[in-house]
Amino acid sequence: MLDLKFIRENTQKVLKALEDRNDKAPIEEILSLDAKRRQSLSSLEELRRERKNISRKKDEDSRKRGRELRDQIKTLEDEARKNEAELTDLLLRVPNIPQESVPRGKTEADNVTVRSHGTPAQFEFTPLPHWELGQKLDIIDIEAGTKISGSRFYVLKGAGATLQRALIDFMLDTHIRQNGYTETYLPIMVRAEALVGSSNLPKFADNLYRDAEEDFWFIPTAEVALTNLHRDEILPPGKLPLYYVAHTPCFRREKMSAGKDVRGIKRGHQFEKVELYKFSDPENSNQELDKMVGNAEDICRKLEIPYRVKELCTGDLGFASSRTYDIEMWAPGCNEWLEVSSCSNCGDFQARRANIRYRPSQGSRADFVHTLNGSGLALPRVLISVIENYQLPDGTVKIPEVLKPYTGTEYIR
């Protein structure tokens, strides 16, 4: 959430940021409602002062005026509460402001490749896409998933399920033992206020699954729960930075991607992800973002799969992000680069919504933390890249060296 005072005092900067994002937000409505709210509060204070002064008098006229003031004050208080609720709802719909260094652009075509690692292998045969390999090896069953739950669901069987579990365990162990993250086991159903804090509500309500009776929402990513670990807290001096990692299932309705990636398991309503999350002081948050991207890249390097890192332009940034890097793995069977991680610095955008602050030193004024999130990495796309990159001419899939201790096998036949 942007600070209302900032919007009021930097209106042109906010409007320019929206233009750079190729986005819209009700800025004029916010400013109009803010002016109306402040006028109501000013009038309310005047009426309260008058009522306080008149309450000392005991004559009938004063009592009559006191009753009139009471009714006027109640009307204004109701109006102020209504204005406050409307204003908050509008503010929750304004996206974050991109950092000055973020490349300007309108679409993903304007994203900038900042580095690449490895060269896509030249196969002596035509590499198969994962949906054909998975069927031949009997490790991916899309028909069974559709039969059970409908389109965009699938079943992993035998060595396929083992390979996914091996990838999850390998990624968790790497981030915990080598990169200093604290493992967390999280609820995958949360209250609405948790999704407001992480910036998913109200804007993305249509893309979320909800148990309406209990008012629980299924998380679209562990970022939601991790953001709220320290909601309404003031972290003491010396506590930052905090590093967390979690493996969770994720649930998304994918309404915004209708018709895209319909073949295979690239895009589903339910998938697994290892999520990285940081709470940082503002001065070091971009350095922490660079480290997070490096942590995610480390997984790609250890799997020995070609990848590239792109910095997203302003028009392709996520709603809460001020700066984002995507990591894409090469998938030779699909013949495309697959996004396996998106690492973002959200600045104090989420912290304002979730009221997460810290004290730089003992006795100092509390300030909002910066929050960062990134996939470390996301399945099933890593699974796709492994299967397609490690396939052999006879349809066998070789297990990457780093995964062999987790699978207990060298090949999927």
Protein backbone atom coordinates (compact mmCIF):
# COMPACT_ATOMS: atom_id res chain seq x y z
CA MET A 1 0.00 0.00 0.00
CA LEU A 2 1.26 3.46 -0.82
CA ASP A 3 1.24 6.08 1.92
CA LEU A 4 -1.74 8.41 1.43
CA LYS A 5 0.40 11.41 2.32
CA PHE A 6 2.90 10.36 -0.34
CA ILE A 7 0.13 10.17 -2.97
CA ARG A 8 -1.18 13.58 -1.90
CA GLU A 9 2.25 15.24 -2.03
CA ASN A 10 3.62 13.35 -5.07
CA THR A 11 0.57 12.96 -7.27
CA GLN A 12 2.41 13.46 -10.57
CA LYS A 13 5.06 10.92 -9.61
CA VAL A 14 2.37 8.35 -8.80
CA LEU A 15 0.56 9.04 -12.08
CA LYS A 16 3.84 8.68 -13.99
CA ALA A 17 4.50 5.38 -12.23
CA LEU A 18 1.08 4.12 -13.29
CA GLU A 19 1.80 5.19 -16.86
CA ASP A 20 5.15 3.35 -16.75
CA ARG A 21 3.36 0.27 -15.43
CA ASN A 22 0.78 0.52 -18.20
CA ASP A 23 -1.78 0.34 -15.39
CA LYS A 24 -4.62 2.32 -13.89
CA ALA A 25 -5.68 3.25 -10.36
CA PRO A 26 -8.37 5.57 -8.91
CA ILE A 27 -5.96 8.37 -7.93
CA GLU A 28 -8.38 11.24 -8.59
CA GLU A 29 -11.09 9.46 -6.62
CA ILE A 30 -8.64 8.86 -3.77
CA LEU A 31 -7.63 12.54 -3.61
CA SER A 32 -11.25 13.69 -3.77
CA LEU A 33 -12.32 11.31 -1.03
CA ASP A 34 -9.28 12.25 1.06
CA ALA A 35 -10.21 15.97 0.83
CA LYS A 36 -13.79 15.15 1.80
CA ARG A 37 -12.61 13.00 4.71
CA ARG A 38 -10.28 15.68 6.05
CA GLN A 39 -13.04 18.28 5.81
CA SER A 40 -15.39 15.96 7.74
CA LEU A 41 -12.77 15.38 10.43
CA SER A 42 -12.16 19.13 10.74
CA SER A 43 -15.89 19.78 11.13
CA LEU A 44 -16.13 16.93 13.59
CA GLU A 45 -13.40 18.41 15.78
CA GLU A 46 -15.13 21.78 15.77
CA LEU A 47 -18.44 20.22 16.85
CA ARG A 48 -16.73 18.22 19.59
CA ARG A 49 -15.07 21.35 20.95
CA GLU A 50 -18.40 23.19 20.95
CA ARG A 51 -20.11 20.28 22.70
CA LYS A 52 -17.38 20.14 25.34
CA ASN A 53 -17.70 23.85 26.03
CA ILE A 54 -21.50 23.81 26.15
CA SER A 55 -21.62 20.78 28.43
CA ARG A 56 -20.45 23.01 31.28
CA LYS A 57 -23.67 25.05 31.02
CA LYS A 58 -26.86 23.80 32.65
CA ASP A 59 -29.58 25.96 31.07
CA GLU A 60 -32.27 24.52 28.80
CA ASP A 61 -30.96 26.18 25.63
CA SER A 62 -27.54 24.66 26.23
CA ARG A 63 -29.02 21.22 26.79
CA LYS A 64 -31.05 21.55 23.59
CA ARG A 65 -27.95 22.63 21.65
CA GLY A 66 -26.05 19.72 23.20
CA ARG A 67 -28.62 17.25 21.85
CA GLU A 68 -28.36 18.83 18.40
CA LEU A 69 -24.58 18.61 18.53
CA ARG A 70 -24.74 14.95 19.62
CA ASP A 71 -26.85 14.07 16.57
CA GLN A 72 -24.62 16.07 14.23
CA ILE A 73 -21.49 14.46 15.66
CA LYS A 74 -22.94 10.96 15.23
CA THR A 75 -23.86 11.72 11.61
CA LEU A 76 -20.37 13.02 10.88
CA GLU A 77 -18.73 10.08 12.67
CA ASP A 78 -20.74 7.63 10.56
CA GLU A 79 -19.79 9.56 7.45
CA ALA A 80 -16.12 9.61 8.46
CA ARG A 81 -16.10 5.82 9.04
CA LYS A 82 -17.71 5.28 5.65
CA ASN A 83 -15.20 7.57 3.94
CA GLU A 84 -12.31 5.84 5.72
CA ALA A 85 -13.48 2.39 4.58
CA GLU A 86 -13.97 3.57 0.98
CA LEU A 87 -10.58 5.28 0.99
CA THR A 88 -8.81 2.20 2.34
CA ASP A 89 -10.43 0.02 -0.31
CA LEU A 90 -9.27 2.39 -3.07
CA LEU A 91 -5.74 2.60 -1.67
CA LEU A 92 -5.51 -1.20 -1.64
CA ARG A 93 -6.02 -1.14 -5.42
CA VAL A 94 -3.03 1.10 -6.19
CA PRO A 95 0.08 -0.85 -7.32
CA ASN A 96 3.59 -0.27 -6.04
CA ILE A 97 5.90 2.31 -7.60
CA PRO A 98 8.78 0.88 -9.69
CA GLN A 99 12.29 1.76 -8.62
CA GLU A 100 14.09 4.32 -10.79
CA SER A 101 16.54 1.72 -12.11
CA VAL A 102 13.81 -0.60 -13.42
CA PRO A 103 13.76 -0.70 -17.26
CA ARG A 104 10.82 1.22 -18.73
CA GLY A 105 8.57 -0.81 -21.00
CA LYS A 106 4.99 -1.85 -21.65
CA THR A 107 5.06 -5.66 -22.01
CA GLU A 108 7.23 -8.71 -21.35
CA ALA A 109 8.85 -8.07 -24.74
CA ASP A 110 10.61 -5.12 -23.07
CA ASN A 111 12.17 -7.22 -20.29
CA VAL A 112 15.97 -7.19 -20.23
CA THR A 113 18.16 -10.32 -20.15
CA VAL A 114 20.93 -9.50 -17.66
CA ARG A 115 22.84 -12.81 -17.83
CA SER A 116 22.71 -16.38 -19.07
CA HIS A 117 24.32 -19.57 -17.84
CA GLY A 118 24.96 -22.66 -19.93
CA THR A 119 24.14 -23.40 -23.54
CA PRO A 120 21.10 -25.45 -24.60
CA ALA A 121 22.29 -28.95 -25.53
CA GLN A 122 22.27 -30.07 -29.15
CA PHE A 123 20.47 -33.41 -29.25
CA GLU A 124 21.31 -36.06 -31.87
CA PHE A 125 17.61 -36.91 -31.85
CA THR A 126 14.42 -34.89 -31.63
CA PRO A 127 13.80 -34.31 -27.90
CA LEU A 128 10.29 -35.17 -26.76
CA PRO A 129 8.10 -32.80 -24.77
CA HIS A 130 7.38 -33.84 -21.19
CA TRP A 131 3.79 -34.85 -21.89
CA GLU A 132 4.98 -37.49 -24.37
CA LEU A 133 7.93 -38.59 -22.23
CA GLY A 134 5.76 -38.75 -19.13
CA GLN A 135 3.20 -40.94 -20.85
CA LYS A 136 5.81 -43.30 -22.32
CA LEU A 137 7.50 -43.69 -18.92
CA ASP A 138 4.15 -43.86 -17.08
CA ILE A 139 5.17 -41.09 -14.67
CA ILE A 140 2.75 -38.31 -15.71
CA ASP A 141 -0.94 -39.10 -16.10
CA ILE A 142 -2.87 -36.08 -17.33
CA GLU A 143 -5.99 -38.12 -18.18
CA ALA A 144 -6.25 -39.38 -14.59
CA GLY A 145 -5.94 -35.84 -13.24
CA THR A 146 -8.68 -34.66 -15.58
CA LYS A 147 -10.89 -37.57 -14.60
CA ILE A 148 -10.47 -36.82 -10.90
CA SER A 149 -10.64 -33.03 -10.91
CA GLY A 150 -10.99 -31.62 -14.42
CA SER A 151 -8.73 -29.70 -16.78
CA ARG A 152 -5.38 -28.32 -15.56
CA PHE A 153 -4.92 -31.17 -13.07
CA TYR A 154 -2.56 -34.13 -13.39
CA VAL A 155 -1.21 -37.12 -11.51
CA LEU A 156 2.47 -37.88 -10.95
CA LYS A 157 3.11 -41.60 -10.60
CA GLY A 158 5.99 -43.75 -9.43
CA ALA A 159 9.33 -42.24 -10.41
CA GLY A 160 7.59 -39.01 -11.43
CA ALA A 161 6.28 -38.42 -7.92
CA THR A 162 9.65 -39.48 -6.48
CA LEU A 163 11.50 -37.05 -8.75
CA GLN A 164 9.31 -34.14 -7.65
CA ARG A 165 9.80 -35.03 -3.97
CA ALA A 166 13.55 -35.31 -4.57
CA LEU A 167 13.64 -31.85 -6.14
CA ILE A 168 11.73 -30.35 -3.19
CA ASP A 169 14.01 -31.97 -0.60
CA PHE A 170 17.15 -30.98 -2.53
CA MET A 171 16.02 -27.36 -2.82
CA LEU A 172 15.03 -27.12 0.85
CA ASP A 173 18.30 -28.66 2.01
CA THR A 174 20.31 -26.26 -0.17
CA HIS A 175 18.55 -23.15 1.09
CA ILE A 176 18.58 -24.24 4.73
CA ARG A 177 22.11 -25.66 4.98
CA GLN A 178 23.96 -23.44 2.53
CA ASN A 179 22.00 -20.20 2.20
CA GLY A 180 20.93 -19.59 5.79
CA TYR A 181 17.13 -19.76 5.51
CA THR A 182 14.93 -20.95 8.36
CA GLU A 183 12.50 -23.69 7.32
CA THR A 184 8.84 -23.10 8.12
CA TYR A 185 5.74 -25.28 7.93
CA LEU A 186 2.78 -23.04 7.18
CA PRO A 187 -1.02 -23.12 7.03
CA ILE A 188 -2.23 -23.33 3.44
CA MET A 189 -5.60 -21.83 4.34
CA VAL A 190 -5.57 -18.25 5.63
CA ARG A 191 -7.94 -15.50 6.69
CA ALA A 192 -8.80 -12.68 4.30
CA GLU A 193 -6.65 -10.17 6.20
CA ALA A 194 -3.56 -12.27 5.46
CA LEU A 195 -4.25 -11.94 1.73
CA VAL A 196 -4.80 -8.20 2.14
CA GLY A 197 -1.43 -7.95 3.87
CA SER A 198 0.36 -9.81 1.07
CA SER A 199 -1.42 -7.67 -1.61
CA ASN A 200 -3.55 -10.48 -3.11
CA LEU A 201 -6.83 -8.99 -1.90
CA PRO A 202 -8.87 -7.22 -3.00
CA LYS A 203 -7.39 -7.00 -6.51
CA PHE A 204 -6.92 -10.72 -7.25
CA ALA A 205 -9.96 -12.22 -5.52
CA ASP A 206 -11.15 -13.83 -8.76
CA ASN A 207 -7.94 -15.84 -9.02
CA LEU A 208 -8.16 -17.37 -5.53
CA TYR A 209 -9.94 -20.40 -4.11
CA ARG A 210 -12.09 -19.84 -1.04
CA ASP A 211 -14.06 -21.80 1.54
CA ALA A 212 -16.93 -19.32 1.85
CA GLU A 213 -18.55 -20.97 4.88
CA GLU A 214 -15.47 -20.66 7.09
CA ASP A 215 -14.03 -17.69 5.16
CA PHE A 216 -10.73 -19.47 4.65
CA TRP A 217 -8.73 -18.78 1.50
CA PHE A 218 -6.31 -21.28 -0.05
CA ILE A 219 -2.89 -19.71 -0.57
CA PRO A 220 -1.73 -18.99 -4.14
CA THR A 221 1.84 -19.03 -2.82
CA ALA A 222 3.61 -19.42 0.53
CA GLU A 223 4.45 -15.71 0.25
CA VAL A 224 1.00 -14.99 1.71
CA ALA A 225 1.59 -16.84 4.97
CA LEU A 226 5.24 -15.78 5.21
CA THR A 227 4.32 -12.08 4.88
CA ASN A 228 2.01 -12.44 7.85
CA LEU A 229 4.46 -14.21 10.17
CA HIS A 230 5.27 -10.82 11.72
CA ARG A 231 2.04 -8.95 11.05
CA ASP A 232 1.33 -6.17 13.58
CA GLU A 233 4.81 -6.55 15.10
CA ILE A 234 7.69 -4.16 15.77
CA LEU A 235 10.93 -6.11 15.32
CA PRO A 236 13.68 -5.15 17.81
CA PRO A 237 17.09 -3.73 16.83
CA GLY A 238 19.48 -6.30 15.36
CA LYS A 239 16.72 -8.67 14.28
CA LEU A 240 16.98 -7.98 10.54
CA PRO A 241 17.47 -9.47 8.04
CA LEU A 242 15.20 -12.50 8.51
CA TYR A 243 15.33 -15.37 6.00
CA TYR A 244 12.52 -17.92 5.67
CA VAL A 245 11.93 -20.85 3.31
CA ALA A 246 8.81 -22.98 2.95
CA HIS A 247 7.50 -25.75 0.75
CA THR A 248 3.74 -25.63 0.18
CA PRO A 249 1.14 -26.61 -2.36
CA CYS A 250 -0.25 -23.55 -4.13
CA PHE A 251 -3.73 -23.02 -5.54
CA ARG A 252 -4.70 -20.62 -8.35
CA ARG A 253 -7.78 -20.45 -10.52
CA GLU A 254 -5.70 -19.38 -13.55
CA LYS A 255 -8.60 -17.33 -14.92
CA MET A 256 -6.12 -14.75 -16.15
CA SER A 257 -4.31 -17.33 -18.29
CA ALA A 258 -7.26 -18.97 -20.04
CA GLY A 259 -6.13 -20.68 -23.23
CA LYS A 260 -2.40 -20.44 -22.42
CA ASP A 261 -0.06 -23.43 -21.98
CA VAL A 262 -2.85 -25.95 -22.31
CA ARG A 263 -0.56 -28.87 -23.11
CA GLY A 264 1.28 -30.74 -20.40
CA ILE A 265 1.70 -29.64 -16.80
CA LYS A 266 3.20 -26.16 -17.15
CA ARG A 267 0.19 -24.35 -15.74
CA GLY A 268 -2.22 -25.93 -13.26
CA HIS A 269 -4.69 -25.01 -10.55
CA GLN A 270 -2.57 -26.90 -7.96
CA PHE A 271 1.22 -27.07 -7.88
CA GLU A 272 4.18 -27.28 -5.48
CA LYS A 273 6.67 -24.51 -4.76
CA VAL A 274 9.64 -23.84 -2.54
CA GLU A 275 9.36 -20.19 -1.53
CA LEU A 276 12.10 -17.85 -0.28
CA TYR A 277 11.15 -14.83 1.82
CA LYS A 278 13.08 -12.03 3.51
CA PHE A 279 12.39 -9.18 5.91
CA SER A 280 15.06 -6.50 5.46
CA ASP A 281 15.88 -2.96 6.49
CA PRO A 282 15.28 -0.47 3.63
CA GLU A 283 18.96 0.36 3.10
CA ASN A 284 19.94 -3.22 2.26
CA SER A 285 16.86 -4.61 0.55
CA ASN A 286 18.24 -4.42 -3.00
CA GLN A 287 21.41 -6.21 -1.89
CA GLU A 288 19.21 -8.86 -0.29
CA LEU A 289 17.30 -9.15 -3.58
CA ASP A 290 20.55 -9.81 -5.45
CA LYS A 291 21.44 -12.51 -2.91
CA MET A 292 18.02 -14.10 -3.27
CA VAL A 293 18.35 -14.24 -7.05
CA GLY A 294 21.77 -15.85 -6.56
CA ASN A 295 20.26 -18.45 -4.21
CA ALA A 296 17.65 -19.36 -6.84
CA GLU A 297 20.29 -19.47 -9.59
CA ASP A 298 22.35 -21.83 -7.46
CA ILE A 299 19.63 -24.48 -7.78
CA CYS A 300 19.70 -24.15 -11.58
CA ARG A 301 23.49 -24.46 -11.67
CA LYS A 302 23.54 -27.51 -9.42
CA LEU A 303 20.96 -29.19 -11.67
CA GLU A 304 23.22 -28.30 -14.64
CA ILE A 305 20.36 -26.92 -16.71
CA PRO A 306 20.81 -23.83 -18.92
CA TYR A 307 19.02 -20.76 -17.56
CA ARG A 308 18.81 -17.02 -18.01
CA VAL A 309 17.97 -14.10 -15.71
CA LYS A 310 15.71 -11.28 -16.87
CA GLU A 311 14.93 -7.99 -15.18
CA LEU A 312 11.27 -7.17 -15.65
CA CYS A 313 10.31 -3.85 -17.19
CA THR A 314 7.82 -1.54 -15.48
CA GLY A 315 4.90 -2.82 -17.56
CA ASP A 316 5.49 -6.44 -16.53
CA LEU A 317 6.02 -5.93 -12.79
CA GLY A 318 3.73 -7.68 -10.34
CA PHE A 319 1.24 -5.56 -8.40
CA ALA A 320 3.28 -5.41 -5.17
CA SER A 321 6.76 -5.34 -6.68
CA SER A 322 9.09 -2.38 -7.04
CA ARG A 323 11.77 -4.49 -8.78
CA THR A 324 11.74 -8.07 -10.08
CA TYR A 325 14.07 -10.62 -11.68
CA ASP A 326 12.75 -13.73 -13.41
CA ILE A 327 14.79 -16.90 -13.87
CA GLU A 328 13.95 -19.07 -16.86
CA MET A 329 15.13 -22.65 -17.45
CA TRP A 330 15.49 -24.12 -20.91
CA ALA A 331 13.08 -26.93 -21.85
CA PRO A 332 14.21 -28.55 -25.13
CA GLY A 333 11.11 -30.72 -25.61
CA CYS A 334 8.78 -27.73 -25.30
CA ASN A 335 11.41 -25.67 -27.15
CA GLU A 336 10.97 -22.72 -24.79
CA TRP A 337 12.28 -20.98 -21.73
CA LEU A 338 10.15 -21.69 -18.66
CA GLU A 339 9.91 -19.26 -15.76
CA VAL A 340 10.91 -21.16 -12.62
CA SER A 341 11.47 -18.21 -10.27
CA SER A 342 10.38 -14.63 -9.87
CA CYS A 343 12.31 -12.72 -7.18
CA SER A 344 10.90 -9.36 -6.09
CA ASN A 345 11.66 -6.49 -3.76
CA CYS A 346 8.32 -5.11 -2.56
CA GLY A 347 9.84 -2.31 -0.51
CA ASP A 348 7.50 -1.29 2.32
CA PHE A 349 4.38 -1.94 0.19
CA GLN A 350 3.36 -5.17 1.95
CA ALA A 351 4.71 -4.03 5.31
CA ARG A 352 2.33 -1.05 5.36
CA ARG A 353 -0.62 -3.32 4.63
CA ALA A 354 0.43 -5.89 7.25
CA ASN A 355 1.79 -3.28 9.72
CA ILE A 356 5.28 -4.79 10.07
CA ARG A 357 7.86 -2.41 11.50
CA TYR A 358 11.33 -2.49 13.05
CA ARG A 359 13.47 -0.29 15.28
CA PRO A 360 16.88 0.56 13.75
CA SER A 361 18.28 1.16 17.25
CA GLN A 362 17.15 1.10 20.85
CA GLY A 363 14.64 3.88 21.51
CA SER A 364 14.46 4.96 17.86
CA ARG A 365 11.23 5.50 15.95
CA ALA A 366 9.78 2.36 14.39
CA ASP A 367 9.85 2.24 10.59
CA PHE A 368 8.37 -0.16 8.05
CA VAL A 369 10.50 -3.11 6.95
CA HIS A 370 11.07 -4.09 3.34
CA THR A 371 9.81 -7.51 2.21
CA LEU A 372 11.25 -9.71 -0.53
CA ASN A 373 9.99 -12.95 -2.03
CA GLY A 374 11.09 -15.43 -4.66
CA SER A 375 10.64 -18.99 -5.83
CA GLY A 376 13.48 -21.24 -4.92
CA LEU A 377 12.23 -22.91 -7.21
CA ALA A 378 8.71 -23.54 -8.53
CA LEU A 379 7.39 -26.88 -9.65
CA PRO A 380 6.30 -28.41 -11.96
CA ARG A 381 8.39 -26.39 -14.40
CA VAL A 382 11.69 -27.48 -12.84
CA LEU A 383 10.43 -31.05 -13.14
CA ILE A 384 9.67 -30.42 -16.83
CA SER A 385 13.15 -29.01 -17.46
CA VAL A 386 14.85 -31.96 -15.72
CA ILE A 387 12.86 -34.57 -17.64
CA GLU A 388 13.33 -32.87 -21.01
CA ASN A 389 17.04 -31.95 -20.60
CA TYR A 390 18.08 -35.33 -19.22
CA GLN A 391 16.24 -37.54 -21.73
CA LEU A 392 18.21 -40.12 -23.72
CA PRO A 393 17.61 -41.47 -27.26
CA ASP A 394 15.79 -44.58 -25.99
CA GLY A 395 13.32 -42.49 -23.93
CA THR A 396 15.13 -43.09 -20.64
CA VAL A 397 15.62 -40.10 -18.33
CA LYS A 398 18.90 -39.78 -16.47
CA ILE A 399 18.74 -38.47 -12.89
CA PRO A 400 20.91 -35.34 -12.25
CA GLU A 401 23.88 -36.05 -9.98
CA VAL A 402 22.64 -33.84 -7.14
CA LEU A 403 19.31 -35.69 -7.04
CA LYS A 404 20.62 -39.26 -6.97
CA PRO A 405 20.97 -39.33 -3.14
CA TYR A 406 17.28 -38.32 -2.96
CA THR A 407 15.89 -40.69 -5.59
CA GLY A 408 18.12 -43.68 -4.88
CA THR A 409 18.22 -44.38 -8.63
CA GLU A 410 20.20 -43.21 -11.64
CA TYR A 411 17.58 -43.52 -14.37
CA ILE A 412 13.85 -43.41 -15.00
CA ARG A 413 13.13 -46.19 -17.51
